[in-house]
Protein backbone atom coordinates (compact mmCIF):
# COMPACT_ATOMS: atom_id res chain seq x y z
CA MET A 1 96.87 95.94 103.95
CA LYS A 2 96.79 99.37 105.63
CA THR A 3 94.53 97.99 108.37
CA PHE A 4 96.87 95.06 108.96
CA LEU A 5 99.91 97.34 109.15
CA ALA A 6 98.17 99.76 111.51
CA THR A 7 97.06 96.92 113.81
CA SER A 8 100.54 95.39 113.75
CA PHE A 9 102.10 98.76 114.58
CA PHE A 10 99.70 99.26 117.52
CA LEU A 11 100.45 95.80 118.91
CA LEU A 12 104.18 96.37 118.50
CA TYR A 13 103.83 99.80 120.14
CA SER A 14 101.94 98.28 123.09
CA PHE A 15 104.62 95.61 123.52
CA ILE A 16 107.54 98.04 123.35
CA ILE A 17 105.87 100.52 125.70
CA ALA A 18 105.21 97.70 128.17
CA GLN A 19 108.97 97.14 128.35
CA GLU A 20 109.70 100.85 128.84
CA THR A 21 109.30 102.30 132.33
CA GLU A 22 110.77 105.78 131.99
CA PHE A 23 109.81 108.50 129.58
CA ARG A 24 111.43 111.81 128.80
CA LYS A 25 109.70 115.06 129.57
CA VAL A 26 110.49 117.84 127.12
CA ASP A 27 113.01 120.31 128.55
CA TYR A 28 112.63 123.46 126.46
CA LYS A 29 115.33 125.39 128.31
CA ALA A 30 117.90 122.69 127.57
CA ILE A 31 116.69 122.44 123.97
CA GLU A 32 116.93 126.20 123.46
CA LYS A 33 120.49 126.25 124.78
CA GLU A 34 121.56 123.55 122.30
CA ILE A 35 119.75 124.74 119.18
CA LYS A 36 121.16 128.27 119.57
CA ASN A 37 124.73 127.04 119.99
CA LYS A 38 126.47 127.11 116.61
CA ASN A 39 129.07 124.66 117.91
CA SER A 40 126.47 122.12 118.96
CA GLU A 41 125.45 119.18 116.78
CA TYR A 42 121.89 120.23 117.65
CA TYR A 43 122.22 123.74 116.21
CA TYR A 44 118.79 124.33 114.71
CA SER A 45 119.79 125.63 111.28
CA THR A 46 122.11 122.67 110.76
CA LEU A 47 119.47 120.18 111.85
CA MET A 48 116.82 121.70 109.60
CA ASP A 49 119.21 121.70 106.65
CA ARG A 50 119.90 117.99 107.20
CA PHE A 51 116.20 117.30 107.59
CA GLN A 52 115.34 119.09 104.36
CA LYS A 53 117.96 117.00 102.58
CA ILE A 54 116.23 113.88 103.97
CA ASP A 55 119.34 112.89 105.91
CA THR A 56 118.64 109.41 107.29
CA THR A 57 121.58 109.64 109.71
CA LEU A 58 119.51 111.97 111.90
CA THR A 59 118.98 110.27 115.25
CA ILE A 60 116.03 110.43 117.64
CA GLU A 61 118.06 112.89 119.70
CA HIS A 62 118.47 115.10 116.63
CA MET A 63 114.75 114.84 115.89
CA TYR A 64 113.91 115.63 119.51
CA HIS A 65 115.78 118.93 119.31
CA LEU A 66 114.39 119.69 115.83
CA TYR A 67 110.73 118.83 116.46
CA TYR A 68 110.34 120.49 119.86
CA GLY A 69 112.91 123.16 119.02
CA SER A 70 110.75 124.31 116.11
CA THR A 71 108.36 125.85 118.65
CA LEU A 72 111.17 128.18 119.71
CA GLN A 73 111.43 129.66 116.22
CA PRO A 74 109.86 133.13 115.75
CA ASN A 75 107.62 132.03 112.88
CA TYR A 76 106.16 128.94 114.57
CA ASP A 77 102.37 128.72 114.70
CA PRO A 78 100.91 125.82 116.74
CA TYR A 79 97.59 126.19 114.93
CA ASP A 80 99.03 126.30 111.44
CA PHE A 81 97.41 124.15 108.76
CA ILE A 82 98.03 123.03 105.20
CA GLU A 83 95.93 124.74 102.56
CA LYS A 84 95.79 122.82 99.32
CA ASN A 85 95.28 124.61 96.02
CA LYS A 86 92.46 123.56 93.69
CA ILE A 87 94.78 121.77 91.29
CA VAL A 88 96.17 119.50 94.01
CA GLU A 89 92.68 118.87 95.40
CA LYS A 90 91.39 117.90 91.96
CA ILE A 91 94.25 115.45 91.38
CA GLU A 92 93.76 113.84 94.79
CA GLU A 93 90.00 113.53 94.30
CA ASN A 94 90.60 111.56 91.10
CA THR A 95 90.58 107.80 91.74
CA ASN A 96 92.79 107.10 88.72
CA VAL A 97 96.57 106.75 88.90
CA PRO A 98 98.03 110.25 88.43
CA THR A 99 99.71 111.10 85.15
CA SER A 100 103.41 111.97 85.00
CA GLU A 101 102.51 115.66 84.90
CA GLU A 102 100.22 115.29 87.92
CA VAL A 103 102.92 113.43 89.84
CA GLN A 104 105.26 116.37 89.30
CA ILE A 105 102.61 118.80 90.57
CA LEU A 106 102.01 116.70 93.67
CA LYS A 107 105.71 116.19 94.26
CA LYS A 108 106.41 119.92 94.14
CA PHE A 109 103.51 120.73 96.48
CA TYR A 110 104.40 118.13 99.12
CA THR A 111 108.13 118.79 98.85
CA ASP A 112 107.43 122.45 99.63
CA ILE A 113 105.35 121.36 102.63
CA TYR A 114 108.13 119.03 103.79
CA LYS A 115 110.61 121.90 103.71
CA THR A 116 108.44 124.67 105.16
CA LYS A 117 105.85 123.00 107.42
CA PRO A 118 107.16 119.49 108.11
CA PHE A 119 105.56 119.03 111.54
CA THR A 120 102.12 120.50 110.86
CA ASP A 121 100.82 117.15 109.61
CA LEU A 122 103.27 114.26 109.73
CA ARG A 123 101.22 112.22 107.27
CA ASN A 124 102.35 114.58 104.52
CA ILE A 125 105.75 112.91 104.76
CA GLU A 126 104.07 109.56 104.11
CA THR A 127 102.17 111.12 101.23
CA LEU A 128 105.40 112.37 99.66
CA ALA A 129 106.80 108.83 99.89
CA ILE A 130 103.71 107.51 98.11
CA ILE A 131 104.14 110.11 95.37
CA TYR A 132 107.70 108.90 94.81
CA SER A 133 106.35 105.36 94.49
CA PHE A 134 104.69 106.40 91.22
CA GLU A 135 108.20 107.03 89.92
CA GLU A 136 109.46 103.82 91.54
CA ASN A 137 112.11 105.85 93.36
CA GLU A 138 112.90 103.27 96.02
CA GLU A 139 115.70 105.28 97.61
CA LYS A 140 113.49 108.32 98.21
CA ILE A 141 110.64 106.16 99.50
CA LYS A 142 112.85 104.41 102.06
CA SER A 143 114.50 107.67 103.15
CA LEU A 144 111.20 109.50 103.66
CA LEU A 145 109.63 106.62 105.57
CA HIS A 146 112.78 106.40 107.70
CA ILE A 147 112.37 110.09 108.60
CA PHE A 148 108.66 109.62 109.26
CA TYR A 149 109.09 106.73 111.69
CA LYS A 150 112.04 108.44 113.37
CA LEU A 151 109.70 111.35 114.12
CA ILE A 152 107.08 108.96 115.48
CA ASP A 153 109.73 107.39 117.72
CA THR A 154 110.64 110.88 118.93
CA LEU A 155 107.09 111.58 120.08
CA LEU A 156 106.87 108.22 121.82
CA ILE A 157 109.92 108.79 124.00
CA THR A 158 107.85 111.42 125.84
CA GLY A 159 105.15 108.99 126.94
CA ASP A 160 102.82 106.11 126.13
CA GLY A 161 99.65 108.20 126.33
CA PHE A 162 97.92 105.84 128.74
CA THR A 163 97.73 108.38 131.59
CA LYS A 164 98.10 112.12 132.12
CA GLY A 165 101.45 111.45 133.77
CA THR A 166 102.69 109.67 130.65
CA ALA A 167 100.92 111.79 128.03
CA ILE A 168 102.55 112.04 124.60
CA ASP A 169 103.91 115.56 124.13
CA VAL A 170 102.87 117.15 120.81
CA ILE A 171 103.39 120.61 119.31
CA ASN A 172 100.40 120.46 116.97
CA THR A 173 97.00 118.85 117.56
CA ARG A 174 97.12 117.31 114.09
CA ASN A 175 99.99 115.14 115.32
CA GLU A 176 97.57 113.51 117.78
CA TYR A 177 95.47 112.37 114.84
CA ASN A 178 98.62 111.26 113.01
CA LEU A 179 99.41 108.83 115.83
CA MET A 180 95.84 107.59 116.25
CA HIS A 181 95.67 106.94 112.51
CA LEU A 182 98.99 105.11 112.63
CA PHE A 183 97.65 102.92 115.44
CA GLY A 184 94.60 102.12 113.33
CA VAL A 185 92.21 103.86 115.71
CA ASP A 186 88.99 105.49 114.50
CA ILE A 187 88.51 108.53 116.75
CA GLU A 188 85.05 108.77 118.32
CA ASN A 189 85.52 111.40 121.00
CA GLN A 190 87.90 114.18 122.02
CA ALA A 191 88.10 116.16 125.25
CA LEU A 192 90.36 118.79 126.79
CA THR A 193 91.35 118.77 130.45
CA HIS A 194 93.67 120.80 132.66
CA ASP A 195 95.50 119.49 135.70
CA LYS A 196 98.28 120.91 137.86
CA GLY A 197 99.23 123.57 135.32
CA ARG A 198 99.29 121.15 132.36
CA SER A 199 96.81 120.79 129.51
CA TYR A 200 95.81 117.50 127.91
CA ASP A 201 93.80 116.33 124.94
CA ILE A 202 92.08 112.99 125.50
CA LEU A 203 91.29 111.05 122.34
CA LYS A 204 89.07 107.97 122.46
CA GLY A 205 88.28 105.52 119.71
CA LYS A 206 88.25 101.93 118.53
CA THR A 207 90.47 99.78 116.34
CA LYS A 208 89.11 97.67 113.47
CA GLU A 209 89.04 94.78 115.96
CA ASN A 210 86.70 96.86 118.17
CA LYS A 211 89.40 97.38 120.80
CA GLU A 212 88.75 100.55 122.78
CA VAL A 213 91.66 102.97 122.95
CA GLU A 214 92.06 106.10 125.07
CA LEU A 215 95.22 108.18 124.81
CA TYR A 216 96.38 111.37 126.52
CA PHE A 217 98.34 114.04 124.67
CA ASP A 218 100.16 116.85 126.44
CA VAL A 219 99.27 120.11 124.67
CA THR A 220 100.63 122.48 127.31
CA ARG A 221 103.14 123.93 124.85
CA LEU A 222 100.34 125.00 122.51
CA PHE A 223 98.66 127.01 125.27
CA GLU A 224 101.99 128.55 126.27
CA LEU A 225 102.63 129.71 122.72
CA ASN A 226 99.09 130.99 122.34
CA LYS A 227 99.50 133.17 125.46
CA LEU A 228 102.65 134.72 124.00
CA LYS A 229 100.57 136.15 121.15
CA PHE A 230 98.58 138.35 123.51
């Protein structure tokens, strides 16, 4: 089922992208102006509060300012990662359906991640939705998946990834893998290239149908942030 959904999503993505001719390059100066303006609907604190409450009325424009605007926050780390404790690891390694107590442990862990490091690994949002499925909480499942796919849509308005000129702009390298996984692509090779002041990750792989896929991701922002540390 997961393979079918991933393949279907990739085919749908390819079709939609084929109809789209213009993409939006991330304008950090414009974003900064909006997210610092308390009177703006894109004021960062307000957006993050709505996001943490799983507000499904958040639009792609809201997500655009929130996702890319997060790199303008003083505590943002482009190379941040999720460290799981031993209890969570043990539960996830178990192939049995988690007990009610284990579900609560997982829910707390992934809810904390959702609220504190939501963009480090987008699949954690999917995972939280799965955890709620053990409680048959349909409302939470739908809301979380809505947020997840809205974030995916936000990344895809920056490019289709087929060329350097239309590279998908990401703020964390893990998000590259999130998209490749969503497209049902098994990654076989990764390379980094620089061109005209921009930096790109090139990920190559194949789908289950043996279709070769090569996508470009713009990681310039990561290098910019890394330079600011020194």
